Amino acid sequence: MTPIDPVELKRIRWRSRRGLLELDLVLERFLAQRFDALSPAQLAAYRELLDLPDNDFLDIVNGKADLDDAAQMEIVGILRAI
């Protein structure tokens, strides 16, 4: 397993800052509690989630919507549990 570039990790952390306070708070807790333990595959799925618009992402985190991608839903499950 190759180590993940520290600069890329900083970029992902920066992209985790969101415009919706509710979503920002969830992602802040996630970054503090679980982010550093993600596998490369989980990190890739999380990176894909960051491409979602804030409102859609919040609906998914709040359980109002789900995704078809199992890897992304694994990350969503972690976010919902925080």
PDB file of N, CA and C in Angstrom:
ATOM      1  N   MET A   1       0.860  -1.188   0.000  1.00  0.00           N
ATOM      2  CA  MET A   1       0.000   0.000   0.000  1.00  0.00           C
ATOM      3  C   MET A   1       0.897   1.238   0.000  1.00  0.00           C
ATOM      4  N   THR A   2       0.655   2.133  -0.928  1.00  0.00           N
ATOM      5  CA  THR A   2       1.456   3.343  -1.012  1.00  0.00           C
ATOM      6  C   THR A   2       0.892   4.404  -0.079  1.00  0.00           C
ATOM      7  N   PRO A   3       1.790   5.151   0.562  1.00  0.00           N
ATOM      8  CA  PRO A   3       1.297   6.213   1.449  1.00  0.00           C
ATOM      9  C   PRO A   3       0.605   7.308   0.645  1.00  0.00           C
ATOM     10  N   ILE A   4      -0.322   7.949   1.295  1.00  0.00           N
ATOM     11  CA  ILE A   4      -1.087   9.012   0.640  1.00  0.00           C
ATOM     12  C   ILE A   4      -0.320  10.319   0.797  1.00  0.00           C
ATOM     13  N   ASP A   5      -0.229  11.044  -0.283  1.00  0.00           N
ATOM     14  CA  ASP A   5       0.502  12.307  -0.306  1.00  0.00           C
ATOM     15  C   ASP A   5      -0.064  13.272   0.735  1.00  0.00           C
ATOM     16  N   PRO A   6       0.778  13.770   1.645  1.00  0.00           N
ATOM     17  CA  PRO A   6       0.295  14.691   2.683  1.00  0.00           C
ATOM     18  C   PRO A   6      -0.326  15.968   2.115  1.00  0.00           C
ATOM     19  N   VAL A   7       0.174  16.423   0.983  1.00  0.00           N
ATOM     20  CA  VAL A   7      -0.395  17.623   0.364  1.00  0.00           C
ATOM     21  C   VAL A   7      -1.817  17.336  -0.102  1.00  0.00           C
ATOM     22  N   GLU A   8      -2.030  16.145  -0.684  1.00  0.00           N
ATOM     23  CA  GLU A   8      -3.371  15.769  -1.126  1.00  0.00           C
ATOM     24  C   GLU A   8      -4.318  15.659   0.068  1.00  0.00           C
ATOM     25  N   LEU A   9      -3.839  15.138   1.175  1.00  0.00           N
ATOM     26  CA  LEU A   9      -4.667  15.055   2.385  1.00  0.00           C
ATOM     27  C   LEU A   9      -5.090  16.445   2.852  1.00  0.00           C
ATOM     28  N   LYS A  10      -4.185  17.401   2.772  1.00  0.00           N
ATOM     29  CA  LYS A  10      -4.524  18.779   3.149  1.00  0.00           C
ATOM     30  C   LYS A  10      -5.574  19.356   2.193  1.00  0.00           C
ATOM     31  N   ARG A  11      -5.450  19.033   0.916  1.00  0.00           N
ATOM     32  CA  ARG A  11      -6.446  19.503  -0.064  1.00  0.00           C
ATOM     33  C   ARG A  11      -7.834  18.931   0.253  1.00  0.00           C
ATOM     34  N   ILE A  12      -7.858  17.653   0.584  1.00  0.00           N
ATOM     35  CA  ILE A  12      -9.133  17.014   0.907  1.00  0.00           C
ATOM     36  C   ILE A  12      -9.723  17.644   2.154  1.00  0.00           C
ATOM     37  N   ARG A  13      -8.894  17.897   3.152  1.00  0.00           N
ATOM     38  CA  ARG A  13      -9.387  18.554   4.376  1.00  0.00           C
ATOM     39  C   ARG A  13      -9.948  19.941   4.049  1.00  0.00           C
ATOM     40  N   TRP A  14      -9.257  20.675   3.185  1.00  0.00           N
ATOM     41  CA  TRP A  14      -9.732  22.006   2.801  1.00  0.00           C
ATOM     42  C   TRP A  14     -11.059  21.926   2.050  1.00  0.00           C
ATOM     43  N   ARG A  15     -11.175  20.947   1.153  1.00  0.00           N
ATOM     44  CA  ARG A  15     -12.422  20.772   0.396  1.00  0.00           C
ATOM     45  C   ARG A  15     -13.571  20.338   1.294  1.00  0.00           C
ATOM     46  N   SER A  16     -13.269  19.843   2.473  1.00  0.00           N
ATOM     47  CA  SER A  16     -14.301  19.401   3.408  1.00  0.00           C
ATOM     48  C   SER A  16     -15.007  20.573   4.077  1.00  0.00           C
ATOM     49  N   ARG A  17     -14.455  21.755   3.957  1.00  0.00           N
ATOM     50  CA  ARG A  17     -15.124  22.944   4.502  1.00  0.00           C
ATOM     51  C   ARG A  17     -16.291  23.280   3.583  1.00  0.00           C
ATOM     52  N   ARG A  18     -17.477  23.351   4.148  1.00  0.00           N
ATOM     53  CA  ARG A  18     -18.671  23.531   3.334  1.00  0.00           C
ATOM     54  C   ARG A  18     -19.404  24.805   3.697  1.00  0.00           C
ATOM     55  N   GLY A  19     -20.306  25.218   2.803  1.00  0.00           N
ATOM     56  CA  GLY A  19     -21.075  26.433   3.001  1.00  0.00           C
ATOM     57  C   GLY A  19     -22.249  26.273   3.948  1.00  0.00           C
ATOM     58  N   LEU A  20     -22.746  25.050   4.091  1.00  0.00           N
ATOM     59  CA  LEU A  20     -23.865  24.802   5.012  1.00  0.00           C
ATOM     60  C   LEU A  20     -23.320  24.448   6.390  1.00  0.00           C
ATOM     61  N   LEU A  21     -23.709  25.190   7.385  1.00  0.00           N
ATOM     62  CA  LEU A  21     -23.191  24.979   8.734  1.00  0.00           C
ATOM     63  C   LEU A  21     -23.446  23.559   9.229  1.00  0.00           C
ATOM     64  N   GLU A  22     -24.649  23.035   8.975  1.00  0.00           N
ATOM     65  CA  GLU A  22     -24.987  21.693   9.457  1.00  0.00           C
ATOM     66  C   GLU A  22     -24.037  20.651   8.870  1.00  0.00           C
ATOM     67  N   LEU A  23     -23.756  20.746   7.594  1.00  0.00           N
ATOM     68  CA  LEU A  23     -22.855  19.815   6.930  1.00  0.00           C
ATOM     69  C   LEU A  23     -21.420  20.042   7.392  1.00  0.00           C
ATOM     70  N   ASP A  24     -21.036  21.286   7.531  1.00  0.00           N
ATOM     71  CA  ASP A  24     -19.698  21.626   7.981  1.00  0.00           C
ATOM     72  C   ASP A  24     -19.421  21.029   9.364  1.00  0.00           C
ATOM     73  N   LEU A  25     -20.394  21.062  10.255  1.00  0.00           N
ATOM     74  CA  LEU A  25     -20.214  20.522  11.602  1.00  0.00           C
ATOM     75  C   LEU A  25     -20.012  19.006  11.579  1.00  0.00           C
ATOM     76  N   VAL A  26     -20.788  18.316  10.751  1.00  0.00           N
ATOM     77  CA  VAL A  26     -20.645  16.859  10.632  1.00  0.00           C
ATOM     78  C   VAL A  26     -19.264  16.514  10.083  1.00  0.00           C
ATOM     79  N   LEU A  27     -18.860  17.205   9.029  1.00  0.00           N
ATOM     80  CA  LEU A  27     -17.570  16.909   8.413  1.00  0.00           C
ATOM     81  C   LEU A  27     -16.415  17.272   9.334  1.00  0.00           C
ATOM     82  N   GLU A  28     -16.575  18.321  10.126  1.00  0.00           N
ATOM     83  CA  GLU A  28     -15.547  18.698  11.100  1.00  0.00           C
ATOM     84  C   GLU A  28     -15.318  17.570  12.105  1.00  0.00           C
ATOM     85  N   ARG A  29     -16.412  17.003  12.627  1.00  0.00           N
ATOM     86  CA  ARG A  29     -16.298  15.882  13.572  1.00  0.00           C
ATOM     87  C   ARG A  29     -15.684  14.665  12.894  1.00  0.00           C
ATOM     88  N   PHE A  30     -16.093  14.406  11.663  1.00  0.00           N
ATOM     89  CA  PHE A  30     -15.548  13.291  10.894  1.00  0.00           C
ATOM     90  C   PHE A  30     -14.040  13.448  10.722  1.00  0.00           C
ATOM     91  N   LEU A  31     -13.603  14.638  10.350  1.00  0.00           N
ATOM     92  CA  LEU A  31     -12.175  14.876  10.156  1.00  0.00           C
ATOM     93  C   LEU A  31     -11.405  14.679  11.455  1.00  0.00           C
ATOM     94  N   ALA A  32     -11.983  15.095  12.559  1.00  0.00           N
ATOM     95  CA  ALA A  32     -11.308  14.974  13.850  1.00  0.00           C
ATOM     96  C   ALA A  32     -11.279  13.529  14.361  1.00  0.00           C
ATOM     97  N   GLN A  33     -12.337  12.766  14.077  1.00  0.00           N
ATOM     98  CA  GLN A  33     -12.472  11.446  14.691  1.00  0.00           C
ATOM     99  C   GLN A  33     -12.099  10.283  13.786  1.00  0.00           C
ATOM    100  N   ARG A  34     -12.380  10.363  12.494  1.00  0.00           N
ATOM    101  CA  ARG A  34     -12.278   9.169  11.648  1.00  0.00           C
ATOM    102  C   ARG A  34     -11.420   9.319  10.387  1.00  0.00           C
ATOM    103  N   PHE A  35     -11.174  10.522   9.956  1.00  0.00           N
ATOM    104  CA  PHE A  35     -10.513  10.760   8.669  1.00  0.00           C
ATOM    105  C   PHE A  35      -9.151  10.088   8.579  1.00  0.00           C
ATOM    106  N   ASP A  36      -8.348  10.197   9.607  1.00  0.00           N
ATOM    107  CA  ASP A  36      -6.985   9.668   9.557  1.00  0.00           C
ATOM    108  C   ASP A  36      -6.940   8.143   9.474  1.00  0.00           C
ATOM    109  N   ALA A  37      -8.035   7.467   9.773  1.00  0.00           N
ATOM    110  CA  ALA A  37      -8.069   6.004   9.740  1.00  0.00           C
ATOM    111  C   ALA A  37      -8.630   5.451   8.426  1.00  0.00           C
ATOM    112  N   LEU A  38      -8.972   6.319   7.471  1.00  0.00           N
ATOM    113  CA  LEU A  38      -9.544   5.857   6.202  1.00  0.00           C
ATOM    114  C   LEU A  38      -8.504   5.101   5.378  1.00  0.00           C
ATOM    115  N   SER A  39      -8.963   4.055   4.726  1.00  0.00           N
ATOM    116  CA  SER A  39      -8.117   3.335   3.778  1.00  0.00           C
ATOM    117  C   SER A  39      -8.050   4.159   2.486  1.00  0.00           C
ATOM    118  N   PRO A  40      -7.117   3.851   1.596  1.00  0.00           N
ATOM    119  CA  PRO A  40      -7.074   4.576   0.316  1.00  0.00           C
ATOM    120  C   PRO A  40      -8.392   4.478  -0.462  1.00  0.00           C
ATOM    121  N   ALA A  41      -9.046   3.316  -0.432  1.00  0.00           N
ATOM    122  CA  ALA A  41     -10.331   3.168  -1.140  1.00  0.00           C
ATOM    123  C   ALA A  41     -11.408   4.033  -0.495  1.00  0.00           C
ATOM    124  N   GLN A  42     -11.437   4.071   0.830  1.00  0.00           N
ATOM    125  CA  GLN A  42     -12.409   4.915   1.536  1.00  0.00           C
ATOM    126  C   GLN A  42     -12.133   6.386   1.260  1.00  0.00           C
ATOM    127  N   LEU A  43     -10.868   6.736   1.223  1.00  0.00           N
ATOM    128  CA  LEU A  43     -10.490   8.121   0.937  1.00  0.00           C
ATOM    129  C   LEU A  43     -10.957   8.522  -0.460  1.00  0.00           C
ATOM    130  N   ALA A  44     -10.819   7.619  -1.415  1.00  0.00           N
ATOM    131  CA  ALA A  44     -11.286   7.903  -2.779  1.00  0.00           C
ATOM    132  C   ALA A  44     -12.799   8.097  -2.800  1.00  0.00           C
ATOM    133  N   ALA A  45     -13.533   7.278  -2.054  1.00  0.00           N
ATOM    134  CA  ALA A  45     -14.988   7.421  -1.990  1.00  0.00           C
ATOM    135  C   ALA A  45     -15.369   8.744  -1.327  1.00  0.00           C
ATOM    136  N   TYR A  46     -14.663   9.108  -0.277  1.00  0.00           N
ATOM    137  CA  TYR A  46     -14.935  10.385   0.394  1.00  0.00           C
ATOM    138  C   TYR A  46     -14.661  11.552  -0.553  1.00  0.00           C
ATOM    139  N   ARG A  47     -13.588  11.457  -1.302  1.00  0.00           N
ATOM    140  CA  ARG A  47     -13.248  12.505  -2.269  1.00  0.00           C
ATOM    141  C   ARG A  47     -14.370  12.674  -3.289  1.00  0.00           C
ATOM    142  N   GLU A  48     -14.978  11.568  -3.714  1.00  0.00           N
ATOM    143  CA  GLU A  48     -16.103  11.635  -4.657  1.00  0.00           C
ATOM    144  C   GLU A  48     -17.311  12.304  -4.014  1.00  0.00           C
ATOM    145  N   LEU A  49     -17.543  12.029  -2.743  1.00  0.00           N
ATOM    146  CA  LEU A  49     -18.670  12.668  -2.037  1.00  0.00           C
ATOM    147  C   LEU A  49     -18.491  14.183  -1.983  1.00  0.00           C
ATOM    148  N   LEU A  50     -17.255  14.621  -1.891  1.00  0.00           N
ATOM    149  CA  LEU A  50     -16.998  16.062  -1.814  1.00  0.00           C
ATOM    150  C   LEU A  50     -17.368  16.799  -3.096  1.00  0.00           C
ATOM    151  N   ASP A  51     -17.564  16.060  -4.182  1.00  0.00           N
ATOM    152  CA  ASP A  51     -17.976  16.679  -5.450  1.00  0.00           C
ATOM    153  C   ASP A  51     -19.470  16.994  -5.478  1.00  0.00           C
ATOM    154  N   LEU A  52     -20.220  16.462  -4.523  1.00  0.00           N
ATOM    155  CA  LEU A  52     -21.665  16.701  -4.479  1.00  0.00           C
ATOM    156  C   LEU A  52     -21.964  18.133  -4.049  1.00  0.00           C
ATOM    157  N   PRO A  53     -23.044  18.714  -4.552  1.00  0.00           N
ATOM    158  CA  PRO A  53     -23.485  20.016  -4.042  1.00  0.00           C
ATOM    159  C   PRO A  53     -23.849  19.888  -2.555  1.00  0.00           C
ATOM    160  N   ASP A  54     -23.649  20.957  -1.815  1.00  0.00           N
ATOM    161  CA  ASP A  54     -23.879  20.932  -0.368  1.00  0.00           C
ATOM    162  C   ASP A  54     -25.260  20.414   0.017  1.00  0.00           C
ATOM    163  N   ASN A  55     -26.304  20.900  -0.638  1.00  0.00           N
ATOM    164  CA  ASN A  55     -27.667  20.485  -0.268  1.00  0.00           C
ATOM    165  C   ASN A  55     -27.887  18.995  -0.496  1.00  0.00           C
ATOM    166  N   ASP A  56     -27.381  18.477  -1.601  1.00  0.00           N
ATOM    167  CA  ASP A  56     -27.507  17.047  -1.878  1.00  0.00           C
ATOM    168  C   ASP A  56     -26.709  16.231  -0.855  1.00  0.00           C
ATOM    169  N   PHE A  57     -25.503  16.684  -0.569  1.00  0.00           N
ATOM    170  CA  PHE A  57     -24.638  15.997   0.391  1.00  0.00           C
ATOM    171  C   PHE A  57     -25.307  15.968   1.766  1.00  0.00           C
ATOM    172  N   LEU A  58     -25.890  17.078   2.180  1.00  0.00           N
ATOM    173  CA  LEU A  58     -26.558  17.139   3.477  1.00  0.00           C
ATOM    174  C   LEU A  58     -27.767  16.207   3.515  1.00  0.00           C
ATOM    175  N   ASP A  59     -28.555  16.174   2.443  1.00  0.00           N
ATOM    176  CA  ASP A  59     -29.702  15.253   2.381  1.00  0.00           C
ATOM    177  C   ASP A  59     -29.253  13.809   2.532  1.00  0.00           C
ATOM    178  N   ILE A  60     -28.145  13.463   1.925  1.00  0.00           N
ATOM    179  CA  ILE A  60     -27.624  12.097   2.023  1.00  0.00           C
ATOM    180  C   ILE A  60     -27.148  11.805   3.435  1.00  0.00           C
ATOM    181  N   VAL A  61     -26.412  12.719   4.017  1.00  0.00           N
ATOM    182  CA  VAL A  61     -25.917  12.537   5.387  1.00  0.00           C
ATOM    183  C   VAL A  61     -27.083  12.440   6.374  1.00  0.00           C
ATOM    184  N   ASN A  62     -28.130  13.212   6.136  1.00  0.00           N
ATOM    185  CA  ASN A  62     -29.288  13.208   7.040  1.00  0.00           C
ATOM    186  C   ASN A  62     -30.233  12.026   6.799  1.00  0.00           C
ATOM    187  N   GLY A  63     -29.946  11.198   5.799  1.00  0.00           N
ATOM    188  CA  GLY A  63     -30.763  10.023   5.539  1.00  0.00           C
ATOM    189  C   GLY A  63     -31.986  10.284   4.683  1.00  0.00           C
ATOM    190  N   LYS A  64     -32.072  11.451   4.088  1.00  0.00           N
ATOM    191  CA  LYS A  64     -33.204  11.771   3.215  1.00  0.00           C
ATOM    192  C   LYS A  64     -33.018  11.194   1.817  1.00  0.00           C
ATOM    193  N   ALA A  65     -31.784  10.796   1.513  1.00  0.00           N
ATOM    194  CA  ALA A  65     -31.463  10.212   0.207  1.00  0.00           C
ATOM    195  C   ALA A  65     -30.313   9.226   0.399  1.00  0.00           C
ATOM    196  N   ASP A  66     -30.178   8.316  -0.541  1.00  0.00           N
ATOM    197  CA  ASP A  66     -29.078   7.365  -0.535  1.00  0.00           C
ATOM    198  C   ASP A  66     -28.400   7.386  -1.896  1.00  0.00           C
ATOM    199  N   LEU A  67     -27.269   6.731  -1.965  1.00  0.00           N
ATOM    200  CA  LEU A  67     -26.517   6.629  -3.211  1.00  0.00           C
ATOM    201  C   LEU A  67     -26.455   5.170  -3.634  1.00  0.00           C
ATOM    202  N   ASP A  68     -26.228   4.928  -4.913  1.00  0.00           N
ATOM    203  CA  ASP A  68     -26.107   3.572  -5.426  1.00  0.00           C
ATOM    204  C   ASP A  68     -24.714   2.989  -5.196  1.00  0.00           C
ATOM    205  N   ASP A  69     -23.733   3.840  -5.001  1.00  0.00           N
ATOM    206  CA  ASP A  69     -22.350   3.400  -4.847  1.00  0.00           C
ATOM    207  C   ASP A  69     -22.105   2.890  -3.421  1.00  0.00           C
ATOM    208  N   ALA A  70     -21.742   1.610  -3.290  1.00  0.00           N
ATOM    209  CA  ALA A  70     -21.550   0.991  -1.966  1.00  0.00           C
ATOM    210  C   ALA A  70     -20.385   1.614  -1.209  1.00  0.00           C
ATOM    211  N   ALA A  71     -19.307   1.955  -1.913  1.00  0.00           N
ATOM    212  CA  ALA A  71     -18.145   2.550  -1.244  1.00  0.00           C
ATOM    213  C   ALA A  71     -18.493   3.921  -0.673  1.00  0.00           C
ATOM    214  N   GLN A  72     -19.249   4.708  -1.428  1.00  0.00           N
ATOM    215  CA  GLN A  72     -19.668   6.016  -0.923  1.00  0.00           C
ATOM    216  C   GLN A  72     -20.628   5.857   0.249  1.00  0.00           C
ATOM    217  N   MET A  73     -21.527   4.880   0.159  1.00  0.00           N
ATOM    218  CA  MET A  73     -22.480   4.660   1.251  1.00  0.00           C
ATOM    219  C   MET A  73     -21.780   4.197   2.524  1.00  0.00           C
ATOM    220  N   GLU A  74     -20.639   3.526   2.387  1.00  0.00           N
ATOM    221  CA  GLU A  74     -19.863   3.158   3.564  1.00  0.00           C
ATOM    222  C   GLU A  74     -19.403   4.417   4.305  1.00  0.00           C
ATOM    223  N   ILE A  75     -18.931   5.396   3.559  1.00  0.00           N
ATOM    224  CA  ILE A  75     -18.503   6.666   4.158  1.00  0.00           C
ATOM    225  C   ILE A  75     -19.711   7.404   4.718  1.00  0.00           C
ATOM    226  N   VAL A  76     -20.808   7.387   4.005  1.00  0.00           N
ATOM    227  CA  VAL A  76     -22.030   8.037   4.476  1.00  0.00           C
ATOM    228  C   VAL A  76     -22.461   7.406   5.806  1.00  0.00           C
ATOM    229  N   GLY A  77     -22.348   6.095   5.919  1.00  0.00           N
ATOM    230  CA  GLY A  77     -22.679   5.411   7.171  1.00  0.00           C
ATOM    231  C   GLY A  77     -21.836   5.908   8.324  1.00  0.00           C
ATOM    232  N   ILE A  78     -20.560   6.146   8.059  1.00  0.00           N
ATOM    233  CA  ILE A  78     -19.680   6.704   9.100  1.00  0.00           C
ATOM    234  C   ILE A  78     -20.129   8.118   9.459  1.00  0.00           C
ATOM    235  N   LEU A  79     -20.457   8.917   8.441  1.00  0.00           N
ATOM    236  CA  LEU A  79     -20.898  10.293   8.697  1.00  0.00           C
ATOM    237  C   LEU A  79     -22.203  10.315   9.479  1.00  0.00           C
ATOM    238  N   ARG A  80     -23.109   9.406   9.155  1.00  0.00           N
ATOM    239  CA  ARG A  80     -24.398   9.367   9.860  1.00  0.00           C
ATOM    240  C   ARG A  80     -24.220   8.936  11.308  1.00  0.00           C
ATOM    241  N   ALA A  81     -23.206   8.153  11.594  1.00  0.00           N
ATOM    242  CA  ALA A  81     -22.985   7.650  12.948  1.00  0.00           C
ATOM    243  C   ALA A  81     -22.299   8.671  13.861  1.00  0.00           C
ATOM    244  N   ILE A  82     -21.732   9.690  13.253  1.00  0.00           N
ATOM    245  CA  ILE A  82     -20.987  10.694  14.054  1.00  0.00           C
ATOM    246  C   ILE A  82     -21.955  11.663  14.693  1.00  0.00           C
TER     247      ILE A  82
END
